Amino acid sequence: MVKKKLPGILEYFIHDQLEDDPSFSYRSMFGGYGIYRYGKIFSILLGNQLYFKVGENNRQDYLDYGSEAFKYKKKTGVVGVMSYYELPEDVMENRELLFEWIEKSLSVETKTKKKTQKDRELDKKILEFLQEIPKGKVSSYKNLGIRFEVHPRKIASVMKYNKSPGIYPCYKVLADSGKLSGYNTDRGVEEKVEKLQADGIEIINGTVDKKYFI
């Protein structure tokens, strides 16, 4: 089967601006693509335009840039409006601001799926395994996904909602490429780097070598 070539704008957004962060994913929908973080949708790509999810918390940001909502024509001829607005080019090119807007879109009010007992037990097993990773070693979302027979996005989600990073060292879980990405603490990646270096792990150009992976 020939792999479908991604639109240029999606390639740029995922690979360049988001640096292949495994917490992000995409899939085909409505003749375009839906873009997700930790399995939660926050953006859609239709044509050659990215639209971000909008609610009361962030609508004014888009209006200030003159962005317009995505509109479509129903079979009845009535024009419908979705709660997604055009992403301004200035925001796309500013990674720090881009991530702020992504978080705002993710925080637009939606109903959260309630975890089952099985989900909670799996989360605990994943977190407890982090304690078994030897000092001076790391693992990846991909490797842990294989170990626990889940998608790497599931591993990324467990890391994000780890409420006890001092007990369960989620800083030891990296992208399969070794490239450092976000860390869910006040100091973010800076703290992650410090912890890895304290474990004797060398970081070159923001990347950990494969020799440290288990």
N, C-alpha and C. Protein backbone atom coordinates (compact mmCIF):
# COMPACT_ATOMS: atom_id res chain seq x y z
N MET A 1 0.85 -1.20 0.00
CA MET A 1 0.00 0.00 0.00
C MET A 1 0.88 1.25 0.00
N VAL A 2 0.56 2.21 -0.87
CA VAL A 2 1.32 3.45 -0.94
C VAL A 2 0.89 4.37 0.20
N LYS A 3 1.87 4.83 0.95
CA LYS A 3 1.57 5.71 2.08
C LYS A 3 1.14 7.08 1.57
N LYS A 4 0.04 7.57 2.08
CA LYS A 4 -0.50 8.85 1.64
C LYS A 4 0.42 9.99 2.05
N LYS A 5 0.77 10.83 1.11
CA LYS A 5 1.65 11.97 1.39
C LYS A 5 0.87 13.04 2.15
N LEU A 6 1.46 13.53 3.24
CA LEU A 6 0.80 14.56 4.04
C LEU A 6 0.87 15.91 3.35
N PRO A 7 -0.15 16.75 3.54
CA PRO A 7 -0.09 18.11 3.02
C PRO A 7 1.12 18.83 3.61
N GLY A 8 1.72 19.73 2.83
CA GLY A 8 2.91 20.45 3.27
C GLY A 8 2.73 21.18 4.59
N ILE A 9 1.58 21.80 4.77
CA ILE A 9 1.34 22.57 5.99
C ILE A 9 1.32 21.66 7.21
N LEU A 10 0.77 20.44 7.06
CA LEU A 10 0.73 19.50 8.19
C LEU A 10 2.12 18.95 8.47
N GLU A 11 2.89 18.66 7.43
CA GLU A 11 4.29 18.23 7.59
C GLU A 11 5.06 19.28 8.39
N TYR A 12 4.91 20.53 8.01
CA TYR A 12 5.63 21.62 8.67
C TYR A 12 5.20 21.76 10.13
N PHE A 13 3.89 21.69 10.36
CA PHE A 13 3.35 21.87 11.71
C PHE A 13 3.82 20.75 12.64
N ILE A 14 3.69 19.49 12.20
CA ILE A 14 4.03 18.35 13.04
C ILE A 14 5.55 18.17 13.19
N HIS A 15 6.26 18.19 12.08
CA HIS A 15 7.68 17.86 12.11
C HIS A 15 8.59 19.03 12.49
N ASP A 16 8.26 20.22 12.01
CA ASP A 16 9.13 21.38 12.28
C ASP A 16 8.73 22.13 13.54
N GLN A 17 7.48 22.57 13.60
CA GLN A 17 7.07 23.38 14.74
C GLN A 17 6.85 22.57 16.01
N LEU A 18 6.31 21.37 15.89
CA LEU A 18 6.08 20.53 17.08
C LEU A 18 7.22 19.53 17.30
N GLU A 19 8.18 19.52 16.38
CA GLU A 19 9.39 18.70 16.49
C GLU A 19 9.09 17.22 16.77
N ASP A 20 8.05 16.70 16.11
CA ASP A 20 7.67 15.28 16.24
C ASP A 20 7.44 14.85 17.68
N ASP A 21 6.98 15.77 18.50
CA ASP A 21 6.64 15.45 19.89
C ASP A 21 5.60 14.32 19.88
N PRO A 22 5.89 13.18 20.56
CA PRO A 22 4.98 12.03 20.49
C PRO A 22 3.63 12.25 21.15
N SER A 23 3.48 13.35 21.91
CA SER A 23 2.18 13.61 22.52
C SER A 23 1.18 14.12 21.50
N PHE A 24 1.67 14.48 20.29
CA PHE A 24 0.80 14.96 19.22
C PHE A 24 0.55 13.86 18.21
N SER A 25 -0.63 13.86 17.64
CA SER A 25 -0.96 12.89 16.60
C SER A 25 -1.98 13.52 15.65
N TYR A 26 -2.27 12.83 14.56
CA TYR A 26 -3.25 13.34 13.60
C TYR A 26 -3.92 12.16 12.90
N ARG A 27 -5.11 12.40 12.36
CA ARG A 27 -5.77 11.39 11.54
C ARG A 27 -6.76 12.05 10.60
N SER A 28 -7.06 11.36 9.53
CA SER A 28 -7.95 11.90 8.49
C SER A 28 -9.36 12.08 9.04
N MET A 29 -10.00 13.17 8.64
CA MET A 29 -11.39 13.40 9.01
C MET A 29 -11.96 14.50 8.12
N PHE A 30 -13.22 14.38 7.75
CA PHE A 30 -13.93 15.41 6.99
C PHE A 30 -13.19 15.89 5.74
N GLY A 31 -12.44 15.01 5.10
CA GLY A 31 -11.69 15.44 3.92
C GLY A 31 -10.45 16.21 4.29
N GLY A 32 -10.13 16.30 5.59
CA GLY A 32 -8.92 16.97 6.05
C GLY A 32 -8.27 16.12 7.13
N TYR A 33 -7.80 16.79 8.17
CA TYR A 33 -7.14 16.08 9.28
C TYR A 33 -7.54 16.70 10.61
N GLY A 34 -7.66 15.83 11.62
CA GLY A 34 -7.80 16.29 12.99
C GLY A 34 -6.45 16.16 13.66
N ILE A 35 -6.08 17.11 14.50
CA ILE A 35 -4.78 17.08 15.18
C ILE A 35 -5.03 17.03 16.68
N TYR A 36 -4.32 16.13 17.36
CA TYR A 36 -4.60 15.82 18.76
C TYR A 36 -3.35 15.95 19.62
N ARG A 37 -3.56 16.20 20.92
CA ARG A 37 -2.49 16.07 21.89
C ARG A 37 -2.99 15.19 23.03
N TYR A 38 -2.24 14.17 23.34
CA TYR A 38 -2.66 13.18 24.34
C TYR A 38 -4.05 12.63 24.00
N GLY A 39 -4.31 12.49 22.69
CA GLY A 39 -5.57 11.91 22.25
C GLY A 39 -6.75 12.87 22.25
N LYS A 40 -6.51 14.15 22.56
CA LYS A 40 -7.60 15.14 22.61
C LYS A 40 -7.44 16.12 21.45
N ILE A 41 -8.50 16.27 20.66
CA ILE A 41 -8.42 17.13 19.49
C ILE A 41 -8.37 18.61 19.88
N PHE A 42 -7.54 19.37 19.16
CA PHE A 42 -7.47 20.81 19.40
C PHE A 42 -7.39 21.59 18.10
N SER A 43 -7.21 20.89 16.98
CA SER A 43 -7.05 21.59 15.70
C SER A 43 -7.55 20.72 14.55
N ILE A 44 -7.95 21.38 13.47
CA ILE A 44 -8.30 20.67 12.25
C ILE A 44 -7.59 21.35 11.08
N LEU A 45 -7.24 20.55 10.08
CA LEU A 45 -6.65 21.07 8.85
C LEU A 45 -7.62 20.82 7.73
N LEU A 46 -8.08 21.88 7.09
CA LEU A 46 -9.00 21.78 5.97
C LEU A 46 -8.44 22.62 4.83
N GLY A 47 -8.29 22.00 3.67
CA GLY A 47 -7.63 22.69 2.58
C GLY A 47 -6.17 22.91 2.97
N ASN A 48 -5.73 24.15 2.93
CA ASN A 48 -4.36 24.48 3.32
C ASN A 48 -4.36 25.38 4.55
N GLN A 49 -5.43 25.27 5.36
CA GLN A 49 -5.58 26.17 6.52
C GLN A 49 -5.75 25.37 7.81
N LEU A 50 -4.98 25.74 8.80
CA LEU A 50 -5.14 25.17 10.14
C LEU A 50 -6.14 26.00 10.93
N TYR A 51 -7.03 25.31 11.63
CA TYR A 51 -8.01 25.95 12.50
C TYR A 51 -7.82 25.40 13.92
N PHE A 52 -7.87 26.28 14.91
CA PHE A 52 -7.75 25.84 16.30
C PHE A 52 -9.09 25.94 17.00
N LYS A 53 -9.30 25.05 17.96
CA LYS A 53 -10.54 25.03 18.73
C LYS A 53 -10.65 26.28 19.59
N VAL A 54 -11.85 26.85 19.61
CA VAL A 54 -12.07 28.12 20.30
C VAL A 54 -13.25 28.03 21.25
N GLY A 55 -13.11 28.70 22.39
CA GLY A 55 -14.19 28.82 23.37
C GLY A 55 -14.12 30.19 24.01
N GLU A 56 -14.81 30.34 25.11
CA GLU A 56 -14.85 31.64 25.78
C GLU A 56 -13.47 32.07 26.27
N ASN A 57 -12.62 31.11 26.58
CA ASN A 57 -11.30 31.44 27.14
C ASN A 57 -10.30 31.98 26.12
N ASN A 58 -10.55 31.75 24.82
CA ASN A 58 -9.53 32.17 23.84
C ASN A 58 -10.08 32.81 22.57
N ARG A 59 -11.39 32.99 22.47
CA ARG A 59 -11.97 33.54 21.23
C ARG A 59 -11.42 34.93 20.90
N GLN A 60 -11.26 35.75 21.92
CA GLN A 60 -10.81 37.12 21.68
C GLN A 60 -9.41 37.16 21.07
N ASP A 61 -8.56 36.18 21.42
CA ASP A 61 -7.21 36.12 20.84
C ASP A 61 -7.29 36.08 19.31
N TYR A 62 -8.22 35.28 18.79
CA TYR A 62 -8.36 35.11 17.35
C TYR A 62 -9.00 36.34 16.71
N LEU A 63 -9.98 36.90 17.40
CA LEU A 63 -10.64 38.10 16.86
C LEU A 63 -9.66 39.26 16.78
N ASP A 64 -8.74 39.34 17.74
CA ASP A 64 -7.74 40.41 17.71
C ASP A 64 -6.83 40.32 16.49
N TYR A 65 -6.64 39.11 16.00
CA TYR A 65 -5.82 38.91 14.80
C TYR A 65 -6.65 39.01 13.51
N GLY A 66 -7.95 39.13 13.66
CA GLY A 66 -8.82 39.18 12.49
C GLY A 66 -9.10 37.81 11.89
N SER A 67 -8.88 36.75 12.68
CA SER A 67 -9.13 35.39 12.20
C SER A 67 -10.64 35.15 12.07
N GLU A 68 -11.00 34.28 11.14
CA GLU A 68 -12.40 33.94 10.93
C GLU A 68 -12.67 32.50 11.30
N ALA A 69 -13.90 32.24 11.70
CA ALA A 69 -14.31 30.88 12.04
C ALA A 69 -14.47 30.05 10.77
N PHE A 70 -14.31 28.75 10.90
CA PHE A 70 -14.54 27.87 9.77
C PHE A 70 -16.03 27.78 9.49
N LYS A 71 -16.39 28.01 8.24
CA LYS A 71 -17.80 27.98 7.83
C LYS A 71 -17.99 26.89 6.79
N TYR A 72 -19.17 26.30 6.77
CA TYR A 72 -19.49 25.26 5.79
C TYR A 72 -20.98 25.36 5.45
N LYS A 73 -21.31 24.87 4.28
CA LYS A 73 -22.71 24.94 3.84
C LYS A 73 -23.39 23.59 4.05
N LYS A 74 -24.49 23.63 4.76
CA LYS A 74 -25.28 22.41 5.00
C LYS A 74 -26.09 22.06 3.76
N LYS A 75 -26.64 20.85 3.72
CA LYS A 75 -27.45 20.42 2.58
C LYS A 75 -28.66 21.31 2.39
N THR A 76 -29.13 21.92 3.47
CA THR A 76 -30.29 22.79 3.40
C THR A 76 -29.94 24.15 2.82
N GLY A 77 -28.63 24.39 2.63
CA GLY A 77 -28.21 25.68 2.11
C GLY A 77 -27.83 26.66 3.20
N VAL A 78 -28.12 26.30 4.44
CA VAL A 78 -27.78 27.16 5.58
C VAL A 78 -26.28 27.05 5.85
N VAL A 79 -25.64 28.18 6.11
CA VAL A 79 -24.21 28.20 6.42
C VAL A 79 -24.00 27.91 7.91
N GLY A 80 -23.24 26.85 8.19
CA GLY A 80 -22.93 26.51 9.57
C GLY A 80 -21.58 27.06 9.97
N VAL A 81 -21.38 27.30 11.25
CA VAL A 81 -20.12 27.82 11.77
C VAL A 81 -19.61 26.88 12.86
N MET A 82 -18.36 26.43 12.72
CA MET A 82 -17.77 25.55 13.73
C MET A 82 -16.98 26.38 14.74
N SER A 83 -16.75 25.81 15.90
CA SER A 83 -15.99 26.52 16.95
C SER A 83 -14.49 26.35 16.74
N TYR A 84 -14.07 26.54 15.48
CA TYR A 84 -12.66 26.50 15.11
C TYR A 84 -12.34 27.75 14.30
N TYR A 85 -11.24 28.43 14.68
CA TYR A 85 -10.85 29.65 13.99
C TYR A 85 -9.49 29.49 13.33
N GLU A 86 -9.26 30.26 12.26
CA GLU A 86 -7.99 30.23 11.55
C GLU A 86 -6.82 30.53 12.49
N LEU A 87 -5.77 29.73 12.38
CA LEU A 87 -4.56 30.00 13.16
C LEU A 87 -3.74 31.06 12.45
N PRO A 88 -3.49 32.21 13.10
CA PRO A 88 -2.69 33.28 12.45
C PRO A 88 -1.28 32.81 12.13
N GLU A 89 -0.74 33.27 11.02
CA GLU A 89 0.61 32.88 10.61
C GLU A 89 1.65 33.31 11.64
N ASP A 90 1.46 34.49 12.25
CA ASP A 90 2.41 34.97 13.26
C ASP A 90 2.50 34.01 14.44
N VAL A 91 1.39 33.40 14.80
CA VAL A 91 1.38 32.46 15.92
C VAL A 91 2.05 31.15 15.50
N MET A 92 1.78 30.72 14.29
CA MET A 92 2.40 29.49 13.78
C MET A 92 3.93 29.58 13.82
N GLU A 93 4.47 30.76 13.54
CA GLU A 93 5.93 30.91 13.45
C GLU A 93 6.59 31.21 14.79
N ASN A 94 5.81 31.41 15.85
CA ASN A 94 6.35 31.69 17.18
C ASN A 94 6.07 30.48 18.07
N ARG A 95 7.07 29.58 18.23
CA ARG A 95 6.82 28.30 18.91
C ARG A 95 6.31 28.48 20.33
N GLU A 96 6.87 29.43 21.06
CA GLU A 96 6.43 29.65 22.44
C GLU A 96 4.96 30.05 22.48
N LEU A 97 4.59 31.00 21.62
CA LEU A 97 3.20 31.44 21.56
C LEU A 97 2.31 30.34 21.02
N LEU A 98 2.82 29.58 20.06
CA LEU A 98 2.05 28.47 19.47
C LEU A 98 1.64 27.47 20.54
N PHE A 99 2.58 27.10 21.41
CA PHE A 99 2.25 26.13 22.46
C PHE A 99 1.26 26.72 23.47
N GLU A 100 1.33 28.02 23.72
CA GLU A 100 0.35 28.66 24.60
C GLU A 100 -1.04 28.54 24.00
N TRP A 101 -1.15 28.79 22.70
CA TRP A 101 -2.45 28.72 22.04
C TRP A 101 -2.95 27.28 21.97
N ILE A 102 -2.04 26.32 21.80
CA ILE A 102 -2.44 24.91 21.81
C ILE A 102 -3.05 24.55 23.16
N GLU A 103 -2.39 24.98 24.24
CA GLU A 103 -2.90 24.69 25.59
C GLU A 103 -4.26 25.34 25.82
N LYS A 104 -4.44 26.55 25.31
CA LYS A 104 -5.73 27.23 25.46
C LYS A 104 -6.82 26.47 24.71
N SER A 105 -6.50 25.98 23.51
CA SER A 105 -7.48 25.21 22.74
C SER A 105 -7.82 23.90 23.44
N LEU A 106 -6.80 23.29 24.03
CA LEU A 106 -7.04 22.04 24.75
C LEU A 106 -7.89 22.24 26.00
N SER A 107 -7.83 23.45 26.56
CA SER A 107 -8.57 23.72 27.79
C SER A 107 -10.00 24.20 27.54
N VAL A 108 -10.37 24.34 26.26
CA VAL A 108 -11.76 24.69 25.95
C VAL A 108 -12.65 23.60 26.56
N GLU A 109 -13.69 24.01 27.25
CA GLU A 109 -14.50 23.07 28.03
C GLU A 109 -15.07 21.93 27.20
N THR A 110 -14.74 20.73 27.61
CA THR A 110 -15.30 19.51 27.01
C THR A 110 -15.51 18.51 28.14
N LYS A 111 -16.35 17.52 27.88
CA LYS A 111 -16.58 16.49 28.88
C LYS A 111 -15.40 15.52 28.89
N THR A 112 -14.86 15.25 30.07
CA THR A 112 -13.72 14.35 30.20
C THR A 112 -14.20 12.92 30.42
N LYS A 113 -13.61 12.00 29.67
CA LYS A 113 -13.96 10.60 29.80
C LYS A 113 -13.47 10.08 31.16
N LYS A 114 -14.36 9.44 31.89
CA LYS A 114 -14.01 8.93 33.21
C LYS A 114 -13.20 7.64 33.07
N LYS A 115 -12.09 7.55 33.83
CA LYS A 115 -11.24 6.37 33.78
C LYS A 115 -11.88 5.19 34.49
N THR A 116 -11.66 4.00 33.93
CA THR A 116 -12.14 2.78 34.56
C THR A 116 -11.09 2.28 35.56
N GLN A 117 -11.47 1.31 36.37
CA GLN A 117 -10.52 0.70 37.32
C GLN A 117 -9.35 0.08 36.56
N LYS A 118 -9.64 -0.52 35.41
CA LYS A 118 -8.59 -1.13 34.59
C LYS A 118 -7.60 -0.07 34.10
N ASP A 119 -8.12 1.10 33.70
CA ASP A 119 -7.26 2.20 33.26
C ASP A 119 -6.34 2.63 34.40
N ARG A 120 -6.90 2.79 35.58
CA ARG A 120 -6.11 3.26 36.74
C ARG A 120 -5.03 2.25 37.12
N GLU A 121 -5.36 0.97 37.03
CA GLU A 121 -4.38 -0.07 37.37
C GLU A 121 -3.22 -0.07 36.36
N LEU A 122 -3.55 0.12 35.08
CA LEU A 122 -2.51 0.18 34.06
C LEU A 122 -1.62 1.41 34.26
N ASP A 123 -2.25 2.55 34.56
CA ASP A 123 -1.49 3.78 34.81
C ASP A 123 -0.48 3.56 35.94
N LYS A 124 -0.94 2.88 37.00
CA LYS A 124 -0.07 2.63 38.15
C LYS A 124 1.10 1.73 37.77
N LYS A 125 0.84 0.69 36.96
CA LYS A 125 1.91 -0.22 36.53
C LYS A 125 2.96 0.52 35.71
N ILE A 126 2.49 1.42 34.83
CA ILE A 126 3.42 2.19 34.00
C ILE A 126 4.29 3.09 34.87
N LEU A 127 3.66 3.79 35.81
CA LEU A 127 4.41 4.68 36.70
C LEU A 127 5.39 3.91 37.58
N GLU A 128 4.97 2.77 38.09
CA GLU A 128 5.86 1.97 38.95
C GLU A 128 7.05 1.43 38.17
N PHE A 129 6.86 1.18 36.87
CA PHE A 129 7.98 0.70 36.06
C PHE A 129 9.07 1.77 35.95
N LEU A 130 8.69 3.03 35.99
CA LEU A 130 9.69 4.11 35.90
C LEU A 130 10.71 4.01 37.03
N GLN A 131 10.27 3.51 38.18
CA GLN A 131 11.18 3.36 39.32
C GLN A 131 12.23 2.27 39.07
N GLU A 132 11.96 1.40 38.11
CA GLU A 132 12.88 0.30 37.80
C GLU A 132 13.93 0.68 36.76
N ILE A 133 13.77 1.83 36.12
CA ILE A 133 14.75 2.25 35.13
C ILE A 133 16.03 2.65 35.87
N PRO A 134 17.15 2.00 35.60
CA PRO A 134 18.39 2.27 36.35
C PRO A 134 18.88 3.71 36.17
N LYS A 135 19.61 4.19 37.15
CA LYS A 135 20.23 5.50 37.05
C LYS A 135 21.16 5.50 35.85
N GLY A 136 21.11 6.57 35.06
CA GLY A 136 21.95 6.65 33.87
C GLY A 136 21.31 6.04 32.64
N LYS A 137 20.04 5.61 32.77
CA LYS A 137 19.32 5.05 31.64
C LYS A 137 17.98 5.76 31.46
N VAL A 138 17.43 5.68 30.25
CA VAL A 138 16.12 6.25 29.95
C VAL A 138 15.35 5.25 29.11
N SER A 139 14.07 5.53 28.90
CA SER A 139 13.27 4.75 27.97
C SER A 139 12.52 5.71 27.07
N SER A 140 11.72 5.18 26.18
CA SER A 140 10.97 6.03 25.25
C SER A 140 9.49 5.71 25.31
N TYR A 141 8.67 6.64 24.83
CA TYR A 141 7.23 6.41 24.75
C TYR A 141 6.95 5.16 23.91
N LYS A 142 7.73 5.02 22.84
CA LYS A 142 7.54 3.87 21.95
C LYS A 142 7.86 2.56 22.66
N ASN A 143 9.02 2.50 23.33
CA ASN A 143 9.43 1.27 24.00
C ASN A 143 8.46 0.89 25.11
N LEU A 144 8.00 1.89 25.87
CA LEU A 144 7.04 1.59 26.94
C LEU A 144 5.70 1.17 26.36
N GLY A 145 5.34 1.77 25.22
CA GLY A 145 4.10 1.37 24.55
C GLY A 145 4.13 -0.10 24.16
N ILE A 146 5.29 -0.53 23.64
CA ILE A 146 5.45 -1.95 23.26
C ILE A 146 5.38 -2.82 24.50
N ARG A 147 6.07 -2.41 25.56
CA ARG A 147 6.11 -3.20 26.79
C ARG A 147 4.72 -3.41 27.38
N PHE A 148 3.92 -2.34 27.39
CA PHE A 148 2.59 -2.42 28.02
C PHE A 148 1.46 -2.63 27.01
N GLU A 149 1.84 -2.83 25.74
CA GLU A 149 0.88 -3.12 24.67
C GLU A 149 -0.17 -2.02 24.53
N VAL A 150 0.31 -0.77 24.52
CA VAL A 150 -0.57 0.38 24.32
C VAL A 150 0.09 1.32 23.33
N HIS A 151 -0.67 2.29 22.85
CA HIS A 151 -0.11 3.29 21.94
C HIS A 151 0.80 4.23 22.73
N PRO A 152 1.89 4.70 22.11
CA PRO A 152 2.77 5.67 22.80
C PRO A 152 2.02 6.89 23.35
N ARG A 153 0.89 7.24 22.73
CA ARG A 153 0.10 8.37 23.23
C ARG A 153 -0.41 8.10 24.64
N LYS A 154 -0.73 6.83 24.92
CA LYS A 154 -1.18 6.45 26.26
C LYS A 154 -0.07 6.70 27.27
N ILE A 155 1.16 6.34 26.91
CA ILE A 155 2.31 6.56 27.79
C ILE A 155 2.50 8.06 28.02
N ALA A 156 2.40 8.84 26.95
CA ALA A 156 2.56 10.29 27.06
C ALA A 156 1.51 10.89 27.99
N SER A 157 0.29 10.37 27.90
CA SER A 157 -0.79 10.86 28.75
C SER A 157 -0.52 10.55 30.23
N VAL A 158 -0.04 9.34 30.50
CA VAL A 158 0.28 8.97 31.89
C VAL A 158 1.38 9.86 32.44
N MET A 159 2.37 10.16 31.61
CA MET A 159 3.47 11.04 32.05
C MET A 159 2.93 12.44 32.35
N LYS A 160 2.04 12.93 31.51
CA LYS A 160 1.51 14.28 31.70
C LYS A 160 0.77 14.42 33.02
N TYR A 161 -0.01 13.40 33.37
CA TYR A 161 -0.85 13.49 34.57
C TYR A 161 -0.21 12.82 35.79
N ASN A 162 1.09 12.58 35.72
CA ASN A 162 1.83 12.05 36.87
C ASN A 162 1.89 13.13 37.96
N LYS A 163 1.19 12.91 39.05
CA LYS A 163 1.12 13.90 40.13
C LYS A 163 2.27 13.79 41.12
N SER A 164 3.11 12.77 40.95
CA SER A 164 4.23 12.57 41.89
C SER A 164 5.53 12.33 41.13
N PRO A 165 6.01 13.35 40.38
CA PRO A 165 7.25 13.15 39.61
C PRO A 165 8.46 12.87 40.48
N GLY A 166 8.40 13.25 41.76
CA GLY A 166 9.50 12.94 42.66
C GLY A 166 9.57 11.46 43.01
N ILE A 167 8.44 10.78 42.90
CA ILE A 167 8.37 9.34 43.19
C ILE A 167 8.48 8.53 41.91
N TYR A 168 7.75 8.98 40.88
CA TYR A 168 7.75 8.29 39.60
C TYR A 168 8.49 9.17 38.58
N PRO A 169 9.76 8.87 38.30
CA PRO A 169 10.62 9.76 37.50
C PRO A 169 10.30 9.79 36.01
N CYS A 170 9.26 10.55 35.66
CA CYS A 170 8.84 10.61 34.25
C CYS A 170 9.83 11.35 33.37
N TYR A 171 10.83 12.04 33.97
CA TYR A 171 11.84 12.72 33.16
C TYR A 171 12.68 11.70 32.38
N LYS A 172 12.61 10.43 32.78
CA LYS A 172 13.37 9.38 32.11
C LYS A 172 12.69 8.84 30.85
N VAL A 173 11.54 9.38 30.51
CA VAL A 173 10.82 8.93 29.32
C VAL A 173 10.93 10.01 28.24
N LEU A 174 11.51 9.64 27.10
CA LEU A 174 11.79 10.59 26.04
C LEU A 174 11.17 10.13 24.71
N ALA A 175 11.24 11.02 23.74
CA ALA A 175 10.85 10.66 22.38
C ALA A 175 11.82 9.60 21.88
N ASP A 176 11.40 8.76 20.95
CA ASP A 176 12.23 7.68 20.45
C ASP A 176 13.51 8.23 19.79
N SER A 177 13.44 9.46 19.29
CA SER A 177 14.59 10.09 18.66
C SER A 177 15.62 10.55 19.69
N GLY A 178 15.21 10.60 20.97
CA GLY A 178 16.10 11.10 22.02
C GLY A 178 16.01 12.60 22.21
N LYS A 179 15.25 13.26 21.35
CA LYS A 179 15.12 14.72 21.42
C LYS A 179 14.24 15.09 22.61
N LEU A 180 14.70 16.07 23.39
CA LEU A 180 13.96 16.48 24.58
C LEU A 180 12.77 17.34 24.20
N SER A 181 11.64 17.09 24.87
CA SER A 181 10.45 17.92 24.67
C SER A 181 9.96 18.35 26.04
N GLY A 182 8.69 18.70 26.14
CA GLY A 182 8.16 19.27 27.38
C GLY A 182 8.28 18.39 28.61
N TYR A 183 8.24 19.04 29.77
CA TYR A 183 8.27 18.36 31.07
C TYR A 183 7.27 19.08 31.94
N ASN A 184 6.34 18.33 32.49
CA ASN A 184 5.17 18.92 33.15
C ASN A 184 5.45 19.43 34.56
N THR A 185 6.40 20.38 34.66
CA THR A 185 6.68 21.06 35.93
C THR A 185 6.82 22.54 35.64
N ASP A 186 6.94 23.35 36.70
CA ASP A 186 7.03 24.80 36.52
C ASP A 186 8.23 25.20 35.68
N ARG A 187 9.35 24.47 35.81
CA ARG A 187 10.57 24.83 35.10
C ARG A 187 10.74 24.07 33.79
N GLY A 188 9.84 23.16 33.50
CA GLY A 188 9.82 22.49 32.21
C GLY A 188 11.10 21.76 31.83
N VAL A 189 11.50 21.93 30.56
CA VAL A 189 12.63 21.19 29.99
C VAL A 189 13.93 21.47 30.76
N GLU A 190 14.09 22.69 31.26
CA GLU A 190 15.30 23.03 32.01
C GLU A 190 15.51 22.07 33.18
N GLU A 191 14.42 21.78 33.90
CA GLU A 191 14.51 20.85 35.03
C GLU A 191 14.77 19.43 34.55
N LYS A 192 14.18 19.06 33.43
CA LYS A 192 14.40 17.74 32.86
C LYS A 192 15.88 17.54 32.53
N VAL A 193 16.47 18.55 31.91
CA VAL A 193 17.89 18.48 31.56
C VAL A 193 18.74 18.29 32.81
N GLU A 194 18.45 19.07 33.85
CA GLU A 194 19.22 18.97 35.10
C GLU A 194 19.15 17.58 35.70
N LYS A 195 17.96 16.99 35.71
CA LYS A 195 17.78 15.65 36.29
C LYS A 195 18.52 14.60 35.48
N LEU A 196 18.45 14.69 34.16
CA LEU A 196 19.14 13.72 33.31
C LEU A 196 20.66 13.84 33.47
N GLN A 197 21.15 15.07 33.51
CA GLN A 197 22.59 15.26 33.66
C GLN A 197 23.06 14.80 35.04
N ALA A 198 22.22 14.97 36.05
CA ALA A 198 22.56 14.49 37.40
C ALA A 198 22.68 12.97 37.43
N ASP A 199 21.98 12.31 36.49
CA ASP A 199 22.05 10.85 36.37
C ASP A 199 23.23 10.40 35.53
N GLY A 200 24.02 11.38 35.07
CA GLY A 200 25.18 11.05 34.25
C GLY A 200 24.90 10.88 32.78
N ILE A 201 23.75 11.38 32.34
CA ILE A 201 23.36 11.26 30.93
C ILE A 201 23.80 12.51 30.17
N GLU A 202 24.53 12.29 29.10
CA GLU A 202 25.04 13.40 28.29
C GLU A 202 23.96 13.85 27.29
N ILE A 203 23.80 15.17 27.18
CA ILE A 203 22.82 15.74 26.26
C ILE A 203 23.55 16.62 25.27
N ILE A 204 23.42 16.32 24.00
CA ILE A 204 24.08 17.09 22.95
C ILE A 204 23.03 17.65 22.01
N ASN A 205 23.03 18.97 21.87
CA ASN A 205 22.06 19.64 21.00
C ASN A 205 20.62 19.25 21.33
N GLY A 206 20.34 19.15 22.64
CA GLY A 206 18.99 18.85 23.07
C GLY A 206 18.55 17.41 22.83
N THR A 207 19.52 16.52 22.62
CA THR A 207 19.19 15.13 22.30
C THR A 207 20.01 14.17 23.15
N VAL A 208 19.38 13.08 23.58
CA VAL A 208 20.04 12.02 24.34
C VAL A 208 20.39 10.88 23.38
N ASP A 209 21.62 10.40 23.44
CA ASP A 209 22.08 9.34 22.55
C ASP A 209 21.36 8.01 22.84
N LYS A 210 21.22 7.20 21.80
CA LYS A 210 20.52 5.91 21.92
C LYS A 210 21.20 4.96 22.90
N LYS A 211 22.49 5.16 23.18
CA LYS A 211 23.20 4.24 24.07
C LYS A 211 22.64 4.27 25.50
N TYR A 212 21.88 5.33 25.82
CA TYR A 212 21.31 5.44 27.17
C TYR A 212 19.94 4.77 27.29
N PHE A 213 19.38 4.32 26.15
CA PHE A 213 18.01 3.79 26.16
C PHE A 213 17.97 2.30 26.55
N ILE A 214 16.91 1.93 27.23
CA ILE A 214 16.66 0.52 27.50
C ILE A 214 15.30 0.15 26.87
